[in-house]
Amino acid sequence: MGPNKAVHLMFLAGGVLLYFLMSWSADWIWGYFVKHPPELIISAGSAALAITVGVICYRNERLYTLASEVAAELKKVNWPTRKETQAATMIVVVTVIIAAVILGLFDGAWSWVTDQIYG
């Protein structure tokens, strides 16, 4: 299995996600102890941690093989066409509108009943 763009993008996306997660978490935790946490230290520490974890995961043979297998399986997926996706989306939208109307009617009825009983 040679290098694969999808595998590289998976590891890159994971590293970026880890950076933002660590940055927000450190800012939130440090914010409890200090009024204005140092952004540079939080950003640099989060970036260093994300890069370190990303490189370790990327060089791990088991994780790289797993990511390659996931990418290979996703290539086998039969993705729906644009027309099929639009049709399915319209079905979902209509179903949600019908369900909202029914629930609204039930809510109005129960509201009227409770007003008659209690009020």
PDB file of N, CA and C in Angstrom:
ATOM      1  N   MET A   1       0.832  -1.175   0.000  1.00  0.00           N
ATOM      2  CA  MET A   1       0.000   0.000   0.000  1.00  0.00           C
ATOM      3  C   MET A   1       0.881   1.244   0.000  1.00  0.00           C
ATOM      4  N   GLY A   2       0.766   2.024  -1.051  1.00  0.00           N
ATOM      5  CA  GLY A   2       1.553   3.242  -1.152  1.00  0.00           C
ATOM      6  C   GLY A   2       0.881   4.401  -0.449  1.00  0.00           C
ATOM      7  N   PRO A   3       1.538   5.553  -0.475  1.00  0.00           N
ATOM      8  CA  PRO A   3       0.944   6.745   0.139  1.00  0.00           C
ATOM      9  C   PRO A   3      -0.388   7.075  -0.522  1.00  0.00           C
ATOM     10  N   ASN A   4      -1.291   7.542   0.270  1.00  0.00           N
ATOM     11  CA  ASN A   4      -2.641   7.799  -0.190  1.00  0.00           C
ATOM     12  C   ASN A   4      -3.060   9.176   0.305  1.00  0.00           C
ATOM     13  N   LYS A   5      -3.608  10.002  -0.588  1.00  0.00           N
ATOM     14  CA  LYS A   5      -4.034  11.355  -0.205  1.00  0.00           C
ATOM     15  C   LYS A   5      -5.069  11.325   0.908  1.00  0.00           C
ATOM     16  N   ALA A   6      -6.013  10.411   0.821  1.00  0.00           N
ATOM     17  CA  ALA A   6      -7.076  10.344   1.826  1.00  0.00           C
ATOM     18  C   ALA A   6      -6.505  10.029   3.208  1.00  0.00           C
ATOM     19  N   VAL A   7      -5.517   9.151   3.265  1.00  0.00           N
ATOM     20  CA  VAL A   7      -4.904   8.793   4.543  1.00  0.00           C
ATOM     21  C   VAL A   7      -4.174  10.001   5.116  1.00  0.00           C
ATOM     22  N   HIS A   8      -3.432  10.704   4.271  1.00  0.00           N
ATOM     23  CA  HIS A   8      -2.723  11.891   4.738  1.00  0.00           C
ATOM     24  C   HIS A   8      -3.711  12.951   5.224  1.00  0.00           C
ATOM     25  N   LEU A   9      -4.813  13.113   4.515  1.00  0.00           N
ATOM     26  CA  LEU A   9      -5.821  14.086   4.924  1.00  0.00           C
ATOM     27  C   LEU A   9      -6.484  13.692   6.243  1.00  0.00           C
ATOM     28  N   MET A  10      -6.673  12.390   6.472  1.00  0.00           N
ATOM     29  CA  MET A  10      -7.239  11.933   7.738  1.00  0.00           C
ATOM     30  C   MET A  10      -6.339  12.329   8.904  1.00  0.00           C
ATOM     31  N   PHE A  11      -5.046  12.070   8.761  1.00  0.00           N
ATOM     32  CA  PHE A  11      -4.114  12.417   9.830  1.00  0.00           C
ATOM     33  C   PHE A  11      -4.016  13.928   9.998  1.00  0.00           C
ATOM     34  N   LEU A  12      -4.029  14.680   8.911  1.00  0.00           N
ATOM     35  CA  LEU A  12      -3.978  16.138   9.002  1.00  0.00           C
ATOM     36  C   LEU A  12      -5.225  16.686   9.685  1.00  0.00           C
ATOM     37  N   ALA A  13      -6.384  16.187   9.296  1.00  0.00           N
ATOM     38  CA  ALA A  13      -7.636  16.639   9.916  1.00  0.00           C
ATOM     39  C   ALA A  13      -7.667  16.282  11.402  1.00  0.00           C
ATOM     40  N   GLY A  14      -7.170  15.105  11.739  1.00  0.00           N
ATOM     41  CA  GLY A  14      -7.104  14.711  13.147  1.00  0.00           C
ATOM     42  C   GLY A  14      -6.186  15.626  13.947  1.00  0.00           C
ATOM     43  N   GLY A  15      -5.044  16.003  13.362  1.00  0.00           N
ATOM     44  CA  GLY A  15      -4.122  16.912  14.037  1.00  0.00           C
ATOM     45  C   GLY A  15      -4.721  18.294  14.233  1.00  0.00           C
ATOM     46  N   VAL A  16      -5.399  18.808  13.213  1.00  0.00           N
ATOM     47  CA  VAL A  16      -6.044  20.126  13.321  1.00  0.00           C
ATOM     48  C   VAL A  16      -7.156  20.082  14.362  1.00  0.00           C
ATOM     49  N   LEU A  17      -7.949  19.021  14.352  1.00  0.00           N
ATOM     50  CA  LEU A  17      -9.018  18.874  15.329  1.00  0.00           C
ATOM     51  C   LEU A  17      -8.454  18.798  16.745  1.00  0.00           C
ATOM     52  N   LEU A  18      -7.372  18.043  16.918  1.00  0.00           N
ATOM     53  CA  LEU A  18      -6.731  17.937  18.229  1.00  0.00           C
ATOM     54  C   LEU A  18      -6.185  19.287  18.682  1.00  0.00           C
ATOM     55  N   TYR A  19      -5.606  20.062  17.749  1.00  0.00           N
ATOM     56  CA  TYR A  19      -5.101  21.390  18.092  1.00  0.00           C
ATOM     57  C   TYR A  19      -6.222  22.271  18.633  1.00  0.00           C
ATOM     58  N   PHE A  20      -7.345  22.342  17.913  1.00  0.00           N
ATOM     59  CA  PHE A  20      -8.442  23.192  18.363  1.00  0.00           C
ATOM     60  C   PHE A  20      -9.035  22.691  19.676  1.00  0.00           C
ATOM     61  N   LEU A  21      -9.168  21.381  19.822  1.00  0.00           N
ATOM     62  CA  LEU A  21      -9.704  20.818  21.053  1.00  0.00           C
ATOM     63  C   LEU A  21      -8.807  21.151  22.238  1.00  0.00           C
ATOM     64  N   MET A  22      -7.505  20.974  22.074  1.00  0.00           N
ATOM     65  CA  MET A  22      -6.563  21.273  23.157  1.00  0.00           C
ATOM     66  C   MET A  22      -6.504  22.766  23.440  1.00  0.00           C
ATOM     67  N   SER A  23      -6.544  23.588  22.407  1.00  0.00           N
ATOM     68  CA  SER A  23      -6.497  25.033  22.589  1.00  0.00           C
ATOM     69  C   SER A  23      -7.713  25.524  23.365  1.00  0.00           C
ATOM     70  N   TRP A  24      -8.898  25.090  22.970  1.00  0.00           N
ATOM     71  CA  TRP A  24     -10.118  25.514  23.657  1.00  0.00           C
ATOM     72  C   TRP A  24     -10.160  24.971  25.081  1.00  0.00           C
ATOM     73  N   SER A  25      -9.742  23.716  25.256  1.00  0.00           N
ATOM     74  CA  SER A  25      -9.763  23.123  26.589  1.00  0.00           C
ATOM     75  C   SER A  25      -8.778  23.823  27.520  1.00  0.00           C
ATOM     76  N   ALA A  26      -7.567  24.079  27.030  1.00  0.00           N
ATOM     77  CA  ALA A  26      -6.566  24.755  27.859  1.00  0.00           C
ATOM     78  C   ALA A  26      -7.015  26.175  28.192  1.00  0.00           C
ATOM     79  N   ASP A  27      -7.590  26.864  27.233  1.00  0.00           N
ATOM     80  CA  ASP A  27      -8.087  28.219  27.477  1.00  0.00           C
ATOM     81  C   ASP A  27      -9.201  28.204  28.517  1.00  0.00           C
ATOM     82  N   TRP A  28     -10.077  27.244  28.431  1.00  0.00           N
ATOM     83  CA  TRP A  28     -11.192  27.126  29.359  1.00  0.00           C
ATOM     84  C   TRP A  28     -10.698  26.794  30.767  1.00  0.00           C
ATOM     85  N   ILE A  29      -9.797  25.802  30.879  1.00  0.00           N
ATOM     86  CA  ILE A  29      -9.294  25.395  32.194  1.00  0.00           C
ATOM     87  C   ILE A  29      -8.433  26.495  32.806  1.00  0.00           C
ATOM     88  N   TRP A  30      -7.508  27.070  32.009  1.00  0.00           N
ATOM     89  CA  TRP A  30      -6.621  28.103  32.510  1.00  0.00           C
ATOM     90  C   TRP A  30      -7.423  29.356  32.877  1.00  0.00           C
ATOM     91  N   GLY A  31      -8.528  29.584  32.205  1.00  0.00           N
ATOM     92  CA  GLY A  31      -9.374  30.734  32.477  1.00  0.00           C
ATOM     93  C   GLY A  31     -10.010  30.705  33.859  1.00  0.00           C
ATOM     94  N   TYR A  32     -10.128  29.536  34.469  1.00  0.00           N
ATOM     95  CA  TYR A  32     -10.649  29.455  35.820  1.00  0.00           C
ATOM     96  C   TYR A  32      -9.667  29.999  36.848  1.00  0.00           C
ATOM     97  N   PHE A  33      -8.372  29.918  36.551  1.00  0.00           N
ATOM     98  CA  PHE A  33      -7.350  30.308  37.506  1.00  0.00           C
ATOM     99  C   PHE A  33      -6.794  31.713  37.257  1.00  0.00           C
ATOM    100  N   VAL A  34      -6.816  32.171  36.020  1.00  0.00           N
ATOM    101  CA  VAL A  34      -6.271  33.475  35.655  1.00  0.00           C
ATOM    102  C   VAL A  34      -7.329  34.221  34.854  1.00  0.00           C
ATOM    103  N   LYS A  35      -7.431  35.535  35.061  1.00  0.00           N
ATOM    104  CA  LYS A  35      -8.453  36.304  34.367  1.00  0.00           C
ATOM    105  C   LYS A  35      -8.220  36.327  32.855  1.00  0.00           C
ATOM    106  N   HIS A  36      -6.979  36.554  32.412  1.00  0.00           N
ATOM    107  CA  HIS A  36      -6.639  36.584  30.998  1.00  0.00           C
ATOM    108  C   HIS A  36      -5.524  35.577  30.741  1.00  0.00           C
ATOM    109  N   PRO A  37      -5.876  34.336  30.329  1.00  0.00           N
ATOM    110  CA  PRO A  37      -4.832  33.335  30.071  1.00  0.00           C
ATOM    111  C   PRO A  37      -3.961  33.748  28.886  1.00  0.00           C
ATOM    112  N   PRO A  38      -2.670  33.432  28.938  1.00  0.00           N
ATOM    113  CA  PRO A  38      -1.751  33.813  27.848  1.00  0.00           C
ATOM    114  C   PRO A  38      -2.035  33.015  26.575  1.00  0.00           C
ATOM    115  N   GLU A  39      -2.544  33.686  25.553  1.00  0.00           N
ATOM    116  CA  GLU A  39      -2.933  33.026  24.298  1.00  0.00           C
ATOM    117  C   GLU A  39      -1.743  32.388  23.588  1.00  0.00           C
ATOM    118  N   LEU A  40      -0.588  33.059  23.618  1.00  0.00           N
ATOM    119  CA  LEU A  40       0.585  32.540  22.916  1.00  0.00           C
ATOM    120  C   LEU A  40       1.033  31.210  23.511  1.00  0.00           C
ATOM    121  N   ILE A  41       1.054  31.131  24.823  1.00  0.00           N
ATOM    122  CA  ILE A  41       1.475  29.884  25.473  1.00  0.00           C
ATOM    123  C   ILE A  41       0.474  28.774  25.200  1.00  0.00           C
ATOM    124  N   ILE A  42      -0.808  29.108  25.280  1.00  0.00           N
ATOM    125  CA  ILE A  42      -1.842  28.098  25.025  1.00  0.00           C
ATOM    126  C   ILE A  42      -1.776  27.620  23.579  1.00  0.00           C
ATOM    127  N   SER A  43      -1.652  28.542  22.635  1.00  0.00           N
ATOM    128  CA  SER A  43      -1.598  28.161  21.217  1.00  0.00           C
ATOM    129  C   SER A  43      -0.347  27.358  20.904  1.00  0.00           C
ATOM    130  N   ALA A  44       0.800  27.809  21.427  1.00  0.00           N
ATOM    131  CA  ALA A  44       2.057  27.101  21.154  1.00  0.00           C
ATOM    132  C   ALA A  44       2.043  25.707  21.780  1.00  0.00           C
ATOM    133  N   GLY A  45       1.561  25.606  23.004  1.00  0.00           N
ATOM    134  CA  GLY A  45       1.492  24.296  23.656  1.00  0.00           C
ATOM    135  C   GLY A  45       0.534  23.353  22.952  1.00  0.00           C
ATOM    136  N   SER A  46      -0.595  23.883  22.538  1.00  0.00           N
ATOM    137  CA  SER A  46      -1.572  23.053  21.822  1.00  0.00           C
ATOM    138  C   SER A  46      -1.022  22.599  20.478  1.00  0.00           C
ATOM    139  N   ALA A  47      -0.337  23.509  19.778  1.00  0.00           N
ATOM    140  CA  ALA A  47       0.249  23.152  18.481  1.00  0.00           C
ATOM    141  C   ALA A  47       1.338  22.103  18.654  1.00  0.00           C
ATOM    142  N   ALA A  48       2.194  22.288  19.667  1.00  0.00           N
ATOM    143  CA  ALA A  48       3.267  21.314  19.901  1.00  0.00           C
ATOM    144  C   ALA A  48       2.697  19.941  20.229  1.00  0.00           C
ATOM    145  N   LEU A  49       1.671  19.909  21.078  1.00  0.00           N
ATOM    146  CA  LEU A  49       1.051  18.633  21.438  1.00  0.00           C
ATOM    147  C   LEU A  49       0.379  17.987  20.236  1.00  0.00           C
ATOM    148  N   ALA A  50      -0.345  18.786  19.443  1.00  0.00           N
ATOM    149  CA  ALA A  50      -1.036  18.240  18.273  1.00  0.00           C
ATOM    150  C   ALA A  50      -0.043  17.703  17.248  1.00  0.00           C
ATOM    151  N   ILE A  51       1.044  18.417  17.014  1.00  0.00           N
ATOM    152  CA  ILE A  51       2.054  17.954  16.059  1.00  0.00           C
ATOM    153  C   ILE A  51       2.711  16.683  16.562  1.00  0.00           C
ATOM    154  N   THR A  52       3.058  16.651  17.847  1.00  0.00           N
ATOM    155  CA  THR A  52       3.704  15.465  18.416  1.00  0.00           C
ATOM    156  C   THR A  52       2.797  14.237  18.325  1.00  0.00           C
ATOM    157  N   VAL A  53       1.559  14.390  18.743  1.00  0.00           N
ATOM    158  CA  VAL A  53       0.621  13.260  18.690  1.00  0.00           C
ATOM    159  C   VAL A  53       0.354  12.858  17.240  1.00  0.00           C
ATOM    160  N   GLY A  54       0.218  13.848  16.348  1.00  0.00           N
ATOM    161  CA  GLY A  54      -0.009  13.540  14.939  1.00  0.00           C
ATOM    162  C   GLY A  54       1.129  12.756  14.311  1.00  0.00           C
ATOM    163  N   VAL A  55       2.367  13.158  14.605  1.00  0.00           N
ATOM    164  CA  VAL A  55       3.529  12.451  14.042  1.00  0.00           C
ATOM    165  C   VAL A  55       3.628  11.046  14.623  1.00  0.00           C
ATOM    166  N   ILE A  56       3.390  10.916  15.922  1.00  0.00           N
ATOM    167  CA  ILE A  56       3.440   9.585  16.545  1.00  0.00           C
ATOM    168  C   ILE A  56       2.376   8.671  15.934  1.00  0.00           C
ATOM    169  N   CYS A  57       1.163   9.185  15.760  1.00  0.00           N
ATOM    170  CA  CYS A  57       0.095   8.378  15.162  1.00  0.00           C
ATOM    171  C   CYS A  57       0.399   8.049  13.700  1.00  0.00           C
ATOM    172  N   TYR A  58       0.951   9.029  12.971  1.00  0.00           N
ATOM    173  CA  TYR A  58       1.252   8.819  11.555  1.00  0.00           C
ATOM    174  C   TYR A  58       2.328   7.751  11.375  1.00  0.00           C
ATOM    175  N   ARG A  59       3.279   7.710  12.265  1.00  0.00           N
ATOM    176  CA  ARG A  59       4.366   6.726  12.151  1.00  0.00           C
ATOM    177  C   ARG A  59       4.018   5.368  12.743  1.00  0.00           C
ATOM    178  N   ASN A  60       2.904   5.275  13.439  1.00  0.00           N
ATOM    179  CA  ASN A  60       2.468   4.005  13.996  1.00  0.00           C
ATOM    180  C   ASN A  60       1.942   3.135  12.854  1.00  0.00           C
ATOM    181  N   GLU A  61       2.554   2.011  12.662  1.00  0.00           N
ATOM    182  CA  GLU A  61       2.221   1.136  11.526  1.00  0.00           C
ATOM    183  C   GLU A  61       0.770   0.642  11.598  1.00  0.00           C
ATOM    184  N   ARG A  62       0.321   0.289  12.796  1.00  0.00           N
ATOM    185  CA  ARG A  62      -1.050  -0.218  12.936  1.00  0.00           C
ATOM    186  C   ARG A  62      -2.080   0.854  12.583  1.00  0.00           C
ATOM    187  N   LEU A  63      -1.877   2.091  13.073  1.00  0.00           N
ATOM    188  CA  LEU A  63      -2.818   3.164  12.772  1.00  0.00           C
ATOM    189  C   LEU A  63      -2.797   3.534  11.298  1.00  0.00           C
ATOM    190  N   TYR A  64      -1.601   3.559  10.703  1.00  0.00           N
ATOM    191  CA  TYR A  64      -1.498   3.895   9.283  1.00  0.00           C
ATOM    192  C   TYR A  64      -2.190   2.828   8.428  1.00  0.00           C
ATOM    193  N   THR A  65      -1.993   1.568   8.797  1.00  0.00           N
ATOM    194  CA  THR A  65      -2.646   0.476   8.070  1.00  0.00           C
ATOM    195  C   THR A  65      -4.161   0.561   8.223  1.00  0.00           C
ATOM    196  N   LEU A  66      -4.632   0.856   9.431  1.00  0.00           N
ATOM    197  CA  LEU A  66      -6.063   0.994   9.665  1.00  0.00           C
ATOM    198  C   LEU A  66      -6.640   2.132   8.835  1.00  0.00           C
ATOM    199  N   ALA A  67      -5.953   3.263   8.804  1.00  0.00           N
ATOM    200  CA  ALA A  67      -6.427   4.404   8.017  1.00  0.00           C
ATOM    201  C   ALA A  67      -6.438   4.062   6.523  1.00  0.00           C
ATOM    202  N   SER A  68      -5.444   3.337   6.066  1.00  0.00           N
ATOM    203  CA  SER A  68      -5.401   2.930   4.659  1.00  0.00           C
ATOM    204  C   SER A  68      -6.550   1.987   4.325  1.00  0.00           C
ATOM    205  N   GLU A  69      -6.861   1.073   5.245  1.00  0.00           N
ATOM    206  CA  GLU A  69      -7.971   0.156   5.022  1.00  0.00           C
ATOM    207  C   GLU A  69      -9.309   0.901   5.009  1.00  0.00           C
ATOM    208  N   VAL A  70      -9.451   1.898   5.882  1.00  0.00           N
ATOM    209  CA  VAL A  70     -10.681   2.699   5.897  1.00  0.00           C
ATOM    210  C   VAL A  70     -10.831   3.433   4.570  1.00  0.00           C
ATOM    211  N   ALA A  71      -9.742   4.027   4.084  1.00  0.00           N
ATOM    212  CA  ALA A  71      -9.789   4.745   2.803  1.00  0.00           C
ATOM    213  C   ALA A  71     -10.127   3.785   1.666  1.00  0.00           C
ATOM    214  N   ALA A  72      -9.561   2.582   1.697  1.00  0.00           N
ATOM    215  CA  ALA A  72      -9.849   1.602   0.652  1.00  0.00           C
ATOM    216  C   ALA A  72     -11.318   1.178   0.687  1.00  0.00           C
ATOM    217  N   GLU A  73     -11.873   1.004   1.884  1.00  0.00           N
ATOM    218  CA  GLU A  73     -13.282   0.633   1.992  1.00  0.00           C
ATOM    219  C   GLU A  73     -14.195   1.765   1.520  1.00  0.00           C
ATOM    220  N   LEU A  74     -13.812   3.017   1.815  1.00  0.00           N
ATOM    221  CA  LEU A  74     -14.639   4.141   1.388  1.00  0.00           C
ATOM    222  C   LEU A  74     -14.647   4.295  -0.126  1.00  0.00           C
ATOM    223  N   LYS A  75     -13.593   3.828  -0.790  1.00  0.00           N
ATOM    224  CA  LYS A  75     -13.584   3.877  -2.255  1.00  0.00           C
ATOM    225  C   LYS A  75     -14.591   2.894  -2.845  1.00  0.00           C
ATOM    226  N   LYS A  76     -14.947   1.866  -2.080  1.00  0.00           N
ATOM    227  CA  LYS A  76     -15.890   0.858  -2.560  1.00  0.00           C
ATOM    228  C   LYS A  76     -17.350   1.283  -2.369  1.00  0.00           C
ATOM    229  N   VAL A  77     -17.578   2.330  -1.608  1.00  0.00           N
ATOM    230  CA  VAL A  77     -18.942   2.764  -1.304  1.00  0.00           C
ATOM    231  C   VAL A  77     -19.618   3.280  -2.567  1.00  0.00           C
ATOM    232  N   ASN A  78     -20.857   2.896  -2.742  1.00  0.00           N
ATOM    233  CA  ASN A  78     -21.658   3.365  -3.867  1.00  0.00           C
ATOM    234  C   ASN A  78     -22.392   4.621  -3.416  1.00  0.00           C
ATOM    235  N   TRP A  79     -21.814   5.785  -3.707  1.00  0.00           N
ATOM    236  CA  TRP A  79     -22.389   7.045  -3.264  1.00  0.00           C
ATOM    237  C   TRP A  79     -23.605   7.396  -4.107  1.00  0.00           C
ATOM    238  N   PRO A  80     -24.652   7.998  -3.487  1.00  0.00           N
ATOM    239  CA  PRO A  80     -25.847   8.352  -4.252  1.00  0.00           C
ATOM    240  C   PRO A  80     -25.572   9.511  -5.210  1.00  0.00           C
ATOM    241  N   THR A  81     -26.359   9.568  -6.268  1.00  0.00           N
ATOM    242  CA  THR A  81     -26.223  10.667  -7.225  1.00  0.00           C
ATOM    243  C   THR A  81     -26.842  11.933  -6.629  1.00  0.00           C
ATOM    244  N   ARG A  82     -26.607  13.043  -7.297  1.00  0.00           N
ATOM    245  CA  ARG A  82     -27.158  14.316  -6.825  1.00  0.00           C
ATOM    246  C   ARG A  82     -28.686  14.270  -6.820  1.00  0.00           C
ATOM    247  N   LYS A  83     -29.273  13.669  -7.847  1.00  0.00           N
ATOM    248  CA  LYS A  83     -30.723  13.587  -7.942  1.00  0.00           C
ATOM    249  C   LYS A  83     -31.302  12.742  -6.802  1.00  0.00           C
ATOM    250  N   GLU A  84     -30.658  11.600  -6.503  1.00  0.00           N
ATOM    251  CA  GLU A  84     -31.111  10.749  -5.404  1.00  0.00           C
ATOM    252  C   GLU A  84     -31.004  11.476  -4.062  1.00  0.00           C
ATOM    253  N   THR A  85     -29.926  12.225  -3.877  1.00  0.00           N
ATOM    254  CA  THR A  85     -29.732  12.972  -2.639  1.00  0.00           C
ATOM    255  C   THR A  85     -30.795  14.054  -2.483  1.00  0.00           C
ATOM    256  N   GLN A  86     -31.099  14.766  -3.563  1.00  0.00           N
ATOM    257  CA  GLN A  86     -32.133  15.791  -3.503  1.00  0.00           C
ATOM    258  C   GLN A  86     -33.499  15.186  -3.196  1.00  0.00           C
ATOM    259  N   ALA A  87     -33.812  14.057  -3.808  1.00  0.00           N
ATOM    260  CA  ALA A  87     -35.101  13.399  -3.557  1.00  0.00           C
ATOM    261  C   ALA A  87     -35.198  12.949  -2.099  1.00  0.00           C
ATOM    262  N   ALA A  88     -34.148  12.355  -1.581  1.00  0.00           N
ATOM    263  CA  ALA A  88     -34.155  11.902  -0.189  1.00  0.00           C
ATOM    264  C   ALA A  88     -34.251  13.086   0.769  1.00  0.00           C
ATOM    265  N   THR A  89     -33.586  14.186   0.437  1.00  0.00           N
ATOM    266  CA  THR A  89     -33.654  15.380   1.280  1.00  0.00           C
ATOM    267  C   THR A  89     -35.064  15.943   1.310  1.00  0.00           C
ATOM    268  N   MET A  90     -35.724  15.977   0.174  1.00  0.00           N
ATOM    269  CA  MET A  90     -37.094  16.481   0.123  1.00  0.00           C
ATOM    270  C   MET A  90     -38.034  15.591   0.941  1.00  0.00           C
ATOM    271  N   ILE A  91     -37.832  14.292   0.887  1.00  0.00           N
ATOM    272  CA  ILE A  91     -38.653  13.375   1.686  1.00  0.00           C
ATOM    273  C   ILE A  91     -38.460  13.666   3.170  1.00  0.00           C
ATOM    274  N   VAL A  92     -37.224  13.890   3.588  1.00  0.00           N
ATOM    275  CA  VAL A  92     -36.947  14.181   4.995  1.00  0.00           C
ATOM    276  C   VAL A  92     -37.587  15.506   5.398  1.00  0.00           C
ATOM    277  N   VAL A  93     -37.459  16.533   4.559  1.00  0.00           N
ATOM    278  CA  VAL A  93     -38.033  17.845   4.878  1.00  0.00           C
ATOM    279  C   VAL A  93     -39.547  17.757   5.002  1.00  0.00           C
ATOM    280  N   VAL A  94     -40.200  17.090   4.064  1.00  0.00           N
ATOM    281  CA  VAL A  94     -41.661  16.954   4.115  1.00  0.00           C
ATOM    282  C   VAL A  94     -42.081  16.163   5.351  1.00  0.00           C
ATOM    283  N   THR A  95     -41.366  15.087   5.658  1.00  0.00           N
ATOM    284  CA  THR A  95     -41.686  14.278   6.835  1.00  0.00           C
ATOM    285  C   THR A  95     -41.539  15.095   8.114  1.00  0.00           C
ATOM    286  N   VAL A  96     -40.501  15.902   8.210  1.00  0.00           N
ATOM    287  CA  VAL A  96     -40.291  16.732   9.398  1.00  0.00           C
ATOM    288  C   VAL A  96     -41.395  17.775   9.524  1.00  0.00           C
ATOM    289  N   ILE A  97     -41.795  18.374   8.414  1.00  0.00           N
ATOM    290  CA  ILE A  97     -42.884  19.365   8.461  1.00  0.00           C
ATOM    291  C   ILE A  97     -44.189  18.711   8.914  1.00  0.00           C
ATOM    292  N   ILE A  98     -44.498  17.545   8.378  1.00  0.00           N
ATOM    293  CA  ILE A  98     -45.721  16.838   8.781  1.00  0.00           C
ATOM    294  C   ILE A  98     -45.668  16.483  10.263  1.00  0.00           C
ATOM    295  N   ALA A  99     -44.521  15.983  10.728  1.00  0.00           N
ATOM    296  CA  ALA A  99     -44.381  15.633  12.145  1.00  0.00           C
ATOM    297  C   ALA A  99     -44.510  16.872  13.023  1.00  0.00           C
ATOM    298  N   ALA A 100     -43.949  18.003  12.582  1.00  0.00           N
ATOM    299  CA  ALA A 100     -44.055  19.247  13.362  1.00  0.00           C
ATOM    300  C   ALA A 100     -45.499  19.711  13.456  1.00  0.00           C
ATOM    301  N   VAL A 101     -46.233  19.601  12.364  1.00  0.00           N
ATOM    302  CA  VAL A 101     -47.648  20.002  12.382  1.00  0.00           C
ATOM    303  C   VAL A 101     -48.442  19.101  13.326  1.00  0.00           C
ATOM    304  N   ILE A 102     -48.227  17.803  13.241  1.00  0.00           N
ATOM    305  CA  ILE A 102     -48.944  16.867  14.123  1.00  0.00           C
ATOM    306  C   ILE A 102     -48.605  17.138  15.580  1.00  0.00           C
ATOM    307  N   LEU A 103     -47.322  17.310  15.893  1.00  0.00           N
ATOM    308  CA  LEU A 103     -46.932  17.590  17.276  1.00  0.00           C
ATOM    309  C   LEU A 103     -47.474  18.940  17.739  1.00  0.00           C
ATOM    310  N   GLY A 104     -47.523  19.918  16.844  1.00  0.00           N
ATOM    311  CA  GLY A 104     -48.099  21.214  17.190  1.00  0.00           C
ATOM    312  C   GLY A 104     -49.573  21.102  17.507  1.00  0.00           C
ATOM    313  N   LEU A 105     -50.298  20.293  16.725  1.00  0.00           N
ATOM    314  CA  LEU A 105     -51.723  20.082  16.997  1.00  0.00           C
ATOM    315  C   LEU A 105     -51.937  19.388  18.341  1.00  0.00           C
ATOM    316  N   PHE A 106     -51.131  18.349  18.610  1.00  0.00           N
ATOM    317  CA  PHE A 106     -51.235  17.674  19.909  1.00  0.00           C
ATOM    318  C   PHE A 106     -50.914  18.637  21.052  1.00  0.00           C
ATOM    319  N   ASP A 107     -49.883  19.453  20.876  1.00  0.00           N
ATOM    320  CA  ASP A 107     -49.504  20.413  21.908  1.00  0.00           C
ATOM    321  C   ASP A 107     -50.627  21.412  22.148  1.00  0.00           C
ATOM    322  N   GLY A 108     -51.222  21.900  21.061  1.00  0.00           N
ATOM    323  CA  GLY A 108     -52.350  22.827  21.211  1.00  0.00           C
ATOM    324  C   GLY A 108     -53.528  22.176  21.904  1.00  0.00           C
ATOM    325  N   ALA A 109     -53.819  20.930  21.550  1.00  0.00           N
ATOM    326  CA  ALA A 109     -54.937  20.219  22.179  1.00  0.00           C
ATOM    327  C   ALA A 109     -54.679  20.007  23.664  1.00  0.00           C
ATOM    328  N   TRP A 110     -53.483  19.541  24.027  1.00  0.00           N
ATOM    329  CA  TRP A 110     -53.167  19.318  25.437  1.00  0.00           C
ATOM    330  C   TRP A 110     -53.146  20.627  26.208  1.00  0.00           C
ATOM    331  N   SER A 111     -52.696  21.691  25.568  1.00  0.00           N
ATOM    332  CA  SER A 111     -52.690  23.005  26.209  1.00  0.00           C
ATOM    333  C   SER A 111     -54.133  23.445  26.501  1.00  0.00           C
ATOM    334  N   TRP A 112     -55.016  23.246  25.532  1.00  0.00           N
ATOM    335  CA  TRP A 112     -56.419  23.600  25.726  1.00  0.00           C
ATOM    336  C   TRP A 112     -57.040  22.763  26.847  1.00  0.00           C
ATOM    337  N   VAL A 113     -56.752  21.441  26.851  1.00  0.00           N
ATOM    338  CA  VAL A 113     -57.303  20.552  27.876  1.00  0.00           C
ATOM    339  C   VAL A 113     -56.806  20.964  29.263  1.00  0.00           C
ATOM    340  N   THR A 114     -55.517  21.239  29.415  1.00  0.00           N
ATOM    341  CA  THR A 114     -54.996  21.622  30.737  1.00  0.00           C
ATOM    342  C   THR A 114     -55.524  22.991  31.157  1.00  0.00           C
ATOM    343  N   ASP A 115     -55.749  23.901  30.221  1.00  0.00           N
ATOM    344  CA  ASP A 115     -56.345  25.194  30.560  1.00  0.00           C
ATOM    345  C   ASP A 115     -57.780  24.991  31.052  1.00  0.00           C
ATOM    346  N   GLN A 116     -58.516  24.078  30.451  1.00  0.00           N
ATOM    347  CA  GLN A 116     -59.879  23.804  30.876  1.00  0.00           C
ATOM    348  C   GLN A 116     -59.913  23.161  32.265  1.00  0.00           C
ATOM    349  N   ILE A 117     -58.958  22.295  32.531  1.00  0.00           N
ATOM    350  CA  ILE A 117     -58.927  21.581  33.827  1.00  0.00           C
ATOM    351  C   ILE A 117     -58.438  22.501  34.936  1.00  0.00           C
ATOM    352  N   TYR A 118     -57.311  23.182  34.713  1.00  0.00           N
ATOM    353  CA  TYR A 118     -56.684  23.966  35.787  1.00  0.00           C
ATOM    354  C   TYR A 118     -57.057  25.437  35.752  1.00  0.00           C
ATOM    355  N   GLY A 119     -57.656  25.878  34.693  1.00  0.00           N
ATOM    356  CA  GLY A 119     -57.792  27.196  34.626  1.00  0.00           C
ATOM    357  C   GLY A 119     -58.660  28.222  34.449  1.00  0.00           C
TER     358      GLY A 119
END
